[in-house]
PDB file of N, CA and C in Angstrom:
ATOM      1  N   MET A   1      18.279  32.591  43.449  1.00  0.00           N
ATOM      2  CA  MET A   1      19.043  31.424  43.045  1.00  0.00           C
ATOM      3  C   MET A   1      20.508  31.640  43.431  1.00  0.00           C
ATOM      4  N   PRO A   2      21.103  30.674  44.118  1.00  0.00           N
ATOM      5  CA  PRO A   2      22.503  30.814  44.523  1.00  0.00           C
ATOM      6  C   PRO A   2      23.442  30.743  43.319  1.00  0.00           C
ATOM      7  N   LYS A   3      24.594  31.373  43.474  1.00  0.00           N
ATOM      8  CA  LYS A   3      25.608  31.341  42.413  1.00  0.00           C
ATOM      9  C   LYS A   3      26.261  29.962  42.364  1.00  0.00           C
ATOM     10  N   ILE A   4      26.599  29.535  41.153  1.00  0.00           N
ATOM     11  CA  ILE A   4      27.330  28.278  40.964  1.00  0.00           C
ATOM     12  C   ILE A   4      28.599  28.617  40.194  1.00  0.00           C
ATOM     13  N   TYR A   5      29.738  28.327  40.767  1.00  0.00           N
ATOM     14  CA  TYR A   5      31.010  28.624  40.141  1.00  0.00           C
ATOM     15  C   TYR A   5      31.476  27.442  39.288  1.00  0.00           C
ATOM     16  N   ALA A   6      32.053  27.763  38.128  1.00  0.00           N
ATOM     17  CA  ALA A   6      32.486  26.724  37.190  1.00  0.00           C
ATOM     18  C   ALA A   6      33.451  25.742  37.849  1.00  0.00           C
ATOM     19  N   ARG A   7      34.357  26.235  38.669  1.00  0.00           N
ATOM     20  CA  ARG A   7      35.337  25.340  39.284  1.00  0.00           C
ATOM     21  C   ARG A   7      34.675  24.306  40.194  1.00  0.00           C
ATOM     22  N   SER A   8      33.486  24.636  40.730  1.00  0.00           N
ATOM     23  CA  SER A   8      32.790  23.670  41.591  1.00  0.00           C
ATOM     24  C   SER A   8      32.134  22.559  40.771  1.00  0.00           C
ATOM     25  N   LEU A   9      32.009  22.760  39.461  1.00  0.00           N
ATOM     26  CA  LEU A   9      31.398  21.751  38.586  1.00  0.00           C
ATOM     27  C   LEU A   9      32.422  20.752  38.043  1.00  0.00           C
ATOM     28  N   ALA A  10      33.692  21.143  38.009  1.00  0.00           N
ATOM     29  CA  ALA A  10      34.736  20.286  37.445  1.00  0.00           C
ATOM     30  C   ALA A  10      34.749  18.925  38.127  1.00  0.00           C
ATOM     31  N   GLY A  11      34.718  17.877  37.310  1.00  0.00           N
ATOM     32  CA  GLY A  11      34.781  16.518  37.832  1.00  0.00           C
ATOM     33  C   GLY A  11      33.447  15.955  38.292  1.00  0.00           C
ATOM     34  N   LYS A  12      32.395  16.762  38.246  1.00  0.00           N
ATOM     35  CA  LYS A  12      31.076  16.246  38.672  1.00  0.00           C
ATOM     36  C   LYS A  12      30.596  15.164  37.719  1.00  0.00           C
ATOM     37  N   GLU A  13      29.872  14.220  38.263  1.00  0.00           N
ATOM     38  CA  GLU A  13      29.291  13.143  37.475  1.00  0.00           C
ATOM     39  C   GLU A  13      28.056  13.655  36.747  1.00  0.00           C
ATOM     40  N   ILE A  14      27.920  13.273  35.477  1.00  0.00           N
ATOM     41  CA  ILE A  14      26.766  13.629  34.668  1.00  0.00           C
ATOM     42  C   ILE A  14      25.873  12.392  34.602  1.00  0.00           C
ATOM     43  N   VAL A  15      24.606  12.551  34.995  1.00  0.00           N
ATOM     44  CA  VAL A  15      23.658  11.444  34.970  1.00  0.00           C
ATOM     45  C   VAL A  15      22.376  11.886  34.280  1.00  0.00           C
ATOM     46  N   THR A  16      21.654  10.920  33.719  1.00  0.00           N
ATOM     47  CA  THR A  16      20.362  11.225  33.111  1.00  0.00           C
ATOM     48  C   THR A  16      19.291  11.217  34.197  1.00  0.00           C
ATOM     49  N   MET A  17      18.102  11.694  33.846  1.00  0.00           N
ATOM     50  CA  MET A  17      16.987  11.683  34.805  1.00  0.00           C
ATOM     51  C   MET A  17      16.638  10.260  35.208  1.00  0.00           C
ATOM     52  N   ALA A  18      16.967   9.274  34.359  1.00  0.00           N
ATOM     53  CA  ALA A  18      16.698   7.868  34.671  1.00  0.00           C
ATOM     54  C   ALA A  18      17.803   7.249  35.526  1.00  0.00           C
ATOM     55  N   GLY A  19      18.882   8.005  35.772  1.00  0.00           N
ATOM     56  CA  GLY A  19      19.964   7.511  36.619  1.00  0.00           C
ATOM     57  C   GLY A  19      21.140   6.909  35.870  1.00  0.00           C
ATOM     58  N   THR A  20      21.129   6.928  34.534  1.00  0.00           N
ATOM     59  CA  THR A  20      22.244   6.398  33.752  1.00  0.00           C
ATOM     60  C   THR A  20      23.424   7.358  33.843  1.00  0.00           C
ATOM     61  N   VAL A  21      24.594   6.826  34.168  1.00  0.00           N
ATOM     62  CA  VAL A  21      25.798   7.649  34.263  1.00  0.00           C
ATOM     63  C   VAL A  21      26.365   7.872  32.868  1.00  0.00           C
ATOM     64  N   LEU A  22      26.475   9.149  32.467  1.00  0.00           N
ATOM     65  CA  LEU A  22      27.084   9.468  31.173  1.00  0.00           C
ATOM     66  C   LEU A  22      28.593   9.603  31.301  1.00  0.00           C
ATOM     67  N   GLY A  23      29.052  10.162  32.399  1.00  0.00           N
ATOM     68  CA  GLY A  23      30.486  10.332  32.598  1.00  0.00           C
ATOM     69  C   GLY A  23      30.781  11.472  33.551  1.00  0.00           C
ATOM     70  N   GLU A  24      31.982  12.037  33.388  1.00  0.00           N
ATOM     71  CA  GLU A  24      32.483  13.069  34.290  1.00  0.00           C
ATOM     72  C   GLU A  24      32.737  14.351  33.510  1.00  0.00           C
ATOM     73  N   LEU A  25      32.316  15.486  34.065  1.00  0.00           N
ATOM     74  CA  LEU A  25      32.499  16.773  33.401  1.00  0.00           C
ATOM     75  C   LEU A  25      33.985  17.123  33.307  1.00  0.00           C
ATOM     76  N   GLU A  26      34.441  17.378  32.086  1.00  0.00           N
ATOM     77  CA  GLU A  26      35.828  17.778  31.849  1.00  0.00           C
ATOM     78  C   GLU A  26      35.938  19.289  31.653  1.00  0.00           C
ATOM     79  N   ASN A  27      34.974  19.863  30.906  1.00  0.00           N
ATOM     80  CA  ASN A  27      35.041  21.286  30.592  1.00  0.00           C
ATOM     81  C   ASN A  27      33.676  21.766  30.110  1.00  0.00           C
ATOM     82  N   ILE A  28      33.571  23.061  29.903  1.00  0.00           N
ATOM     83  CA  ILE A  28      32.336  23.674  29.433  1.00  0.00           C
ATOM     84  C   ILE A  28      32.664  24.547  28.226  1.00  0.00           C
ATOM     85  N   ILE A  29      31.816  24.495  27.196  1.00  0.00           N
ATOM     86  CA  ILE A  29      32.003  25.334  26.010  1.00  0.00           C
ATOM     87  C   ILE A  29      30.972  26.461  26.070  1.00  0.00           C
ATOM     88  N   LEU A  30      31.445  27.697  25.871  1.00  0.00           N
ATOM     89  CA  LEU A  30      30.514  28.820  25.835  1.00  0.00           C
ATOM     90  C   LEU A  30      30.780  29.675  24.614  1.00  0.00           C
ATOM     91  N   ASP A  31      29.773  30.438  24.214  1.00  0.00           N
ATOM     92  CA  ASP A  31      29.875  31.359  23.088  1.00  0.00           C
ATOM     93  C   ASP A  31      30.524  32.631  23.623  1.00  0.00           C
ATOM     94  N   PRO A  32      31.727  32.983  23.130  1.00  0.00           N
ATOM     95  CA  PRO A  32      32.425  34.143  23.683  1.00  0.00           C
ATOM     96  C   PRO A  32      31.723  35.476  23.398  1.00  0.00           C
ATOM     97  N   GLU A  33      30.900  35.521  22.380  1.00  0.00           N
ATOM     98  CA  GLU A  33      30.205  36.772  22.055  1.00  0.00           C
ATOM     99  C   GLU A  33      28.980  36.995  22.932  1.00  0.00           C
ATOM    100  N   THR A  34      28.248  35.925  23.218  1.00  0.00           N
ATOM    101  CA  THR A  34      27.011  36.071  23.991  1.00  0.00           C
ATOM    102  C   THR A  34      27.162  35.641  25.449  1.00  0.00           C
ATOM    103  N   GLY A  35      28.183  34.842  25.730  1.00  0.00           N
ATOM    104  CA  GLY A  35      28.361  34.299  27.074  1.00  0.00           C
ATOM    105  C   GLY A  35      27.462  33.101  27.349  1.00  0.00           C
ATOM    106  N   LYS A  36      26.687  32.702  26.353  1.00  0.00           N
ATOM    107  CA  LYS A  36      25.754  31.585  26.508  1.00  0.00           C
ATOM    108  C   LYS A  36      26.523  30.267  26.611  1.00  0.00           C
ATOM    109  N   LEU A  37      26.119  29.423  27.569  1.00  0.00           N
ATOM    110  CA  LEU A  37      26.718  28.090  27.699  1.00  0.00           C
ATOM    111  C   LEU A  37      26.171  27.209  26.590  1.00  0.00           C
ATOM    112  N   ILE A  38      27.059  26.564  25.854  1.00  0.00           N
ATOM    113  CA  ILE A  38      26.667  25.775  24.690  1.00  0.00           C
ATOM    114  C   ILE A  38      26.645  24.274  25.010  1.00  0.00           C
ATOM    115  N   ASP A  39      27.785  23.736  25.406  1.00  0.00           N
ATOM    116  CA  ASP A  39      27.921  22.289  25.628  1.00  0.00           C
ATOM    117  C   ASP A  39      28.742  21.998  26.869  1.00  0.00           C
ATOM    118  N   LEU A  40      28.500  20.810  27.414  1.00  0.00           N
ATOM    119  CA  LEU A  40      29.363  20.229  28.438  1.00  0.00           C
ATOM    120  C   LEU A  40      30.269  19.237  27.730  1.00  0.00           C
ATOM    121  N   LEU A  41      31.567  19.276  27.999  1.00  0.00           N
ATOM    122  CA  LEU A  41      32.504  18.273  27.485  1.00  0.00           C
ATOM    123  C   LEU A  41      32.634  17.207  28.560  1.00  0.00           C
ATOM    124  N   VAL A  42      32.270  15.985  28.213  1.00  0.00           N
ATOM    125  CA  VAL A  42      32.160  14.914  29.198  1.00  0.00           C
ATOM    126  C   VAL A  42      33.073  13.744  28.831  1.00  0.00           C
ATOM    127  N   LYS A  43      33.857  13.306  29.827  1.00  0.00           N
ATOM    128  CA  LYS A  43      34.631  12.072  29.673  1.00  0.00           C
ATOM    129  C   LYS A  43      33.643  10.936  29.885  1.00  0.00           C
ATOM    130  N   PRO A  44      33.336  10.157  28.813  1.00  0.00           N
ATOM    131  CA  PRO A  44      32.273   9.153  28.936  1.00  0.00           C
ATOM    132  C   PRO A  44      32.610   8.027  29.911  1.00  0.00           C
ATOM    133  N   ASP A  45      31.578   7.558  30.601  1.00  0.00           N
ATOM    134  CA  ASP A  45      31.693   6.401  31.475  1.00  0.00           C
ATOM    135  C   ASP A  45      32.093   5.194  30.626  1.00  0.00           C
ATOM    136  N   SER A  46      32.856   4.283  31.188  1.00  0.00           N
ATOM    137  CA  SER A  46      33.360   3.121  30.434  1.00  0.00           C
ATOM    138  C   SER A  46      32.235   2.232  29.903  1.00  0.00           C
ATOM    139  N   GLU A  47      31.050   2.282  30.528  1.00  0.00           N
ATOM    140  CA  GLU A  47      29.933   1.444  30.086  1.00  0.00           C
ATOM    141  C   GLU A  47      28.979   2.165  29.136  1.00  0.00           C
ATOM    142  N   LEU A  48      29.253   3.429  28.828  1.00  0.00           N
ATOM    143  CA  LEU A  48      28.376   4.216  27.968  1.00  0.00           C
ATOM    144  C   LEU A  48      28.714   3.986  26.494  1.00  0.00           C
ATOM    145  N   ASP A  49      27.687   3.901  25.645  1.00  0.00           N
ATOM    146  CA  ASP A  49      27.891   3.827  24.197  1.00  0.00           C
ATOM    147  C   ASP A  49      27.982   5.257  23.669  1.00  0.00           C
ATOM    148  N   PRO A  50      29.190   5.750  23.381  1.00  0.00           N
ATOM    149  CA  PRO A  50      29.352   7.140  22.960  1.00  0.00           C
ATOM    150  C   PRO A  50      28.822   7.428  21.555  1.00  0.00           C
ATOM    151  N   ALA A  51      28.470   6.408  20.805  1.00  0.00           N
ATOM    152  CA  ALA A  51      27.967   6.601  19.439  1.00  0.00           C
ATOM    153  C   ALA A  51      26.641   7.361  19.425  1.00  0.00           C
ATOM    154  N   ARG A  52      25.944   7.394  20.543  1.00  0.00           N
ATOM    155  CA  ARG A  52      24.645   8.078  20.625  1.00  0.00           C
ATOM    156  C   ARG A  52      24.796   9.585  20.839  1.00  0.00           C
ATOM    157  N   TYR A  53      26.034  10.055  20.971  1.00  0.00           N
ATOM    158  CA  TYR A  53      26.290  11.454  21.299  1.00  0.00           C
ATOM    159  C   TYR A  53      27.262  12.074  20.292  1.00  0.00           C
ATOM    160  N   ARG A  54      27.208  13.410  20.198  1.00  0.00           N
ATOM    161  CA  ARG A  54      28.207  14.117  19.395  1.00  0.00           C
ATOM    162  C   ARG A  54      29.544  13.988  20.113  1.00  0.00           C
ATOM    163  N   LYS A  55      30.631  14.006  19.349  1.00  0.00           N
ATOM    164  CA  LYS A  55      31.950  13.790  19.942  1.00  0.00           C
ATOM    165  C   LYS A  55      32.893  14.951  19.658  1.00  0.00           C
ATOM    166  N   ASP A  56      33.858  15.099  20.542  1.00  0.00           N
ATOM    167  CA  ASP A  56      34.981  16.008  20.374  1.00  0.00           C
ATOM    168  C   ASP A  56      36.196  15.218  20.835  1.00  0.00           C
ATOM    169  N   GLY A  57      36.828  14.531  19.884  1.00  0.00           N
ATOM    170  CA  GLY A  57      37.921  13.627  20.246  1.00  0.00           C
ATOM    171  C   GLY A  57      37.373  12.457  21.036  1.00  0.00           C
ATOM    172  N   LYS A  58      37.949  12.206  22.218  1.00  0.00           N
ATOM    173  CA  LYS A  58      37.493  11.098  23.060  1.00  0.00           C
ATOM    174  C   LYS A  58      36.366  11.510  24.010  1.00  0.00           C
ATOM    175  N   LEU A  59      36.009  12.783  23.980  1.00  0.00           N
ATOM    176  CA  LEU A  59      34.958  13.289  24.861  1.00  0.00           C
ATOM    177  C   LEU A  59      33.633  13.358  24.115  1.00  0.00           C
ATOM    178  N   ILE A  60      32.531  13.339  24.869  1.00  0.00           N
ATOM    179  CA  ILE A  60      31.222  13.528  24.246  1.00  0.00           C
ATOM    180  C   ILE A  60      30.718  14.926  24.588  1.00  0.00           C
ATOM    181  N   LEU A  61      29.879  15.459  23.714  1.00  0.00           N
ATOM    182  CA  LEU A  61      29.297  16.779  23.901  1.00  0.00           C
ATOM    183  C   LEU A  61      27.849  16.620  24.352  1.00  0.00           C
ATOM    184  N   VAL A  62      27.521  17.242  25.455  1.00  0.00           N
ATOM    185  CA  VAL A  62      26.153  17.218  25.974  1.00  0.00           C
ATOM    186  C   VAL A  62      25.662  18.663  25.962  1.00  0.00           C
ATOM    187  N   PRO A  63      24.600  18.965  25.218  1.00  0.00           N
ATOM    188  CA  PRO A  63      24.108  20.342  25.159  1.00  0.00           C
ATOM    189  C   PRO A  63      23.742  20.874  26.550  1.00  0.00           C
ATOM    190  N   PHE A  64      24.157  22.087  26.838  1.00  0.00           N
ATOM    191  CA  PHE A  64      23.822  22.671  28.130  1.00  0.00           C
ATOM    192  C   PHE A  64      22.306  22.792  28.293  1.00  0.00           C
ATOM    193  N   SER A  65      21.603  22.929  27.180  1.00  0.00           N
ATOM    194  CA  SER A  65      20.138  23.048  27.234  1.00  0.00           C
ATOM    195  C   SER A  65      19.471  21.787  27.777  1.00  0.00           C
ATOM    196  N   SER A  66      20.210  20.678  27.843  1.00  0.00           N
ATOM    197  CA  SER A  66      19.638  19.438  28.369  1.00  0.00           C
ATOM    198  C   SER A  66      19.792  19.319  29.885  1.00  0.00           C
ATOM    199  N   VAL A  67      20.511  20.253  30.511  1.00  0.00           N
ATOM    200  CA  VAL A  67      20.722  20.206  31.963  1.00  0.00           C
ATOM    201  C   VAL A  67      19.426  20.517  32.692  1.00  0.00           C
ATOM    202  N   CYS A  68      19.069  19.647  33.629  1.00  0.00           N
ATOM    203  CA  CYS A  68      17.840  19.809  34.428  1.00  0.00           C
ATOM    204  C   CYS A  68      18.143  20.248  35.854  1.00  0.00           C
ATOM    205  N   ALA A  69      19.294  19.825  36.386  1.00  0.00           N
ATOM    206  CA  ALA A  69      19.625  20.138  37.779  1.00  0.00           C
ATOM    207  C   ALA A  69      21.139  20.125  37.971  1.00  0.00           C
ATOM    208  N   LEU A  70      21.598  21.002  38.883  1.00  0.00           N
ATOM    209  CA  LEU A  70      23.014  21.070  39.257  1.00  0.00           C
ATOM    210  C   LEU A  70      23.092  20.994  40.776  1.00  0.00           C
ATOM    211  N   LYS A  71      23.441  19.834  41.277  1.00  0.00           N
ATOM    212  CA  LYS A  71      23.586  19.654  42.730  1.00  0.00           C
ATOM    213  C   LYS A  71      24.822  18.794  42.952  1.00  0.00           C
ATOM    214  N   ASP A  72      24.640  17.645  43.589  1.00  0.00           N
ATOM    215  CA  ASP A  72      25.751  16.720  43.777  1.00  0.00           C
ATOM    216  C   ASP A  72      26.160  16.105  42.447  1.00  0.00           C
ATOM    217  N   TYR A  73      25.195  16.001  41.539  1.00  0.00           N
ATOM    218  CA  TYR A  73      25.399  15.511  40.186  1.00  0.00           C
ATOM    219  C   TYR A  73      24.877  16.577  39.233  1.00  0.00           C
ATOM    220  N   ILE A  74      25.250  16.451  37.964  1.00  0.00           N
ATOM    221  CA  ILE A  74      24.629  17.267  36.929  1.00  0.00           C
ATOM    222  C   ILE A  74      23.640  16.344  36.235  1.00  0.00           C
ATOM    223  N   VAL A  75      22.365  16.662  36.341  1.00  0.00           N
ATOM    224  CA  VAL A  75      21.310  15.817  35.784  1.00  0.00           C
ATOM    225  C   VAL A  75      20.871  16.391  34.445  1.00  0.00           C
ATOM    226  N   VAL A  76      20.816  15.500  33.425  1.00  0.00           N
ATOM    227  CA  VAL A  76      20.419  15.934  32.090  1.00  0.00           C
ATOM    228  C   VAL A  76      19.238  15.116  31.581  1.00  0.00           C
ATOM    229  N   ASP A  77      18.489  15.718  30.673  1.00  0.00           N
ATOM    230  CA  ASP A  77      17.402  15.049  29.978  1.00  0.00           C
ATOM    231  C   ASP A  77      18.023  14.278  28.815  1.00  0.00           C
ATOM    232  N   GLU A  78      18.013  12.960  28.912  1.00  0.00           N
ATOM    233  CA  GLU A  78      18.685  12.114  27.922  1.00  0.00           C
ATOM    234  C   GLU A  78      18.191  12.355  26.499  1.00  0.00           C
ATOM    235  N   LYS A  79      16.908  12.580  26.329  1.00  0.00           N
ATOM    236  CA  LYS A  79      16.352  12.801  24.988  1.00  0.00           C
ATOM    237  C   LYS A  79      16.931  14.040  24.337  1.00  0.00           C
ATOM    238  N   ARG A  80      17.192  15.072  25.142  1.00  0.00           N
ATOM    239  CA  ARG A  80      17.768  16.310  24.606  1.00  0.00           C
ATOM    240  C   ARG A  80      19.288  16.245  24.530  1.00  0.00           C
ATOM    241  N   ALA A  81      19.903  15.260  25.205  1.00  0.00           N
ATOM    242  CA  ALA A  81      21.357  15.152  25.239  1.00  0.00           C
ATOM    243  C   ALA A  81      21.925  14.356  24.058  1.00  0.00           C
ATOM    244  N   GLU A  82      21.120  13.453  23.493  1.00  0.00           N
ATOM    245  CA  GLU A  82      21.599  12.622  22.390  1.00  0.00           C
ATOM    246  C   GLU A  82      21.576  13.392  21.083  1.00  0.00           C
ATOM    247  N   ARG A  83      22.245  12.835  20.076  1.00  0.00           N
ATOM    248  CA  ARG A  83      22.324  13.468  18.752  1.00  0.00           C
ATOM    249  C   ARG A  83      21.011  13.972  18.276  1.00  0.00           C
TER     250      ARG A  83
END
């Protein structure tokens, strides 16, 4: 598996497997003790209802465990991404 650098993920669009745009990746939260990736901090798309997601200020939190693919987009499983 090729390496993926965090800086290459900045600004990537987050989409669901169904193609719904959630928004743009702002940052990543990790557990400093284990190094485990916890959440993606996402600037929500203007057409997205952010009430379906956990929030951190104006950003939404998408669990890293919901990520299915990292390529041109970050694809997430919507069922695992919602509250």
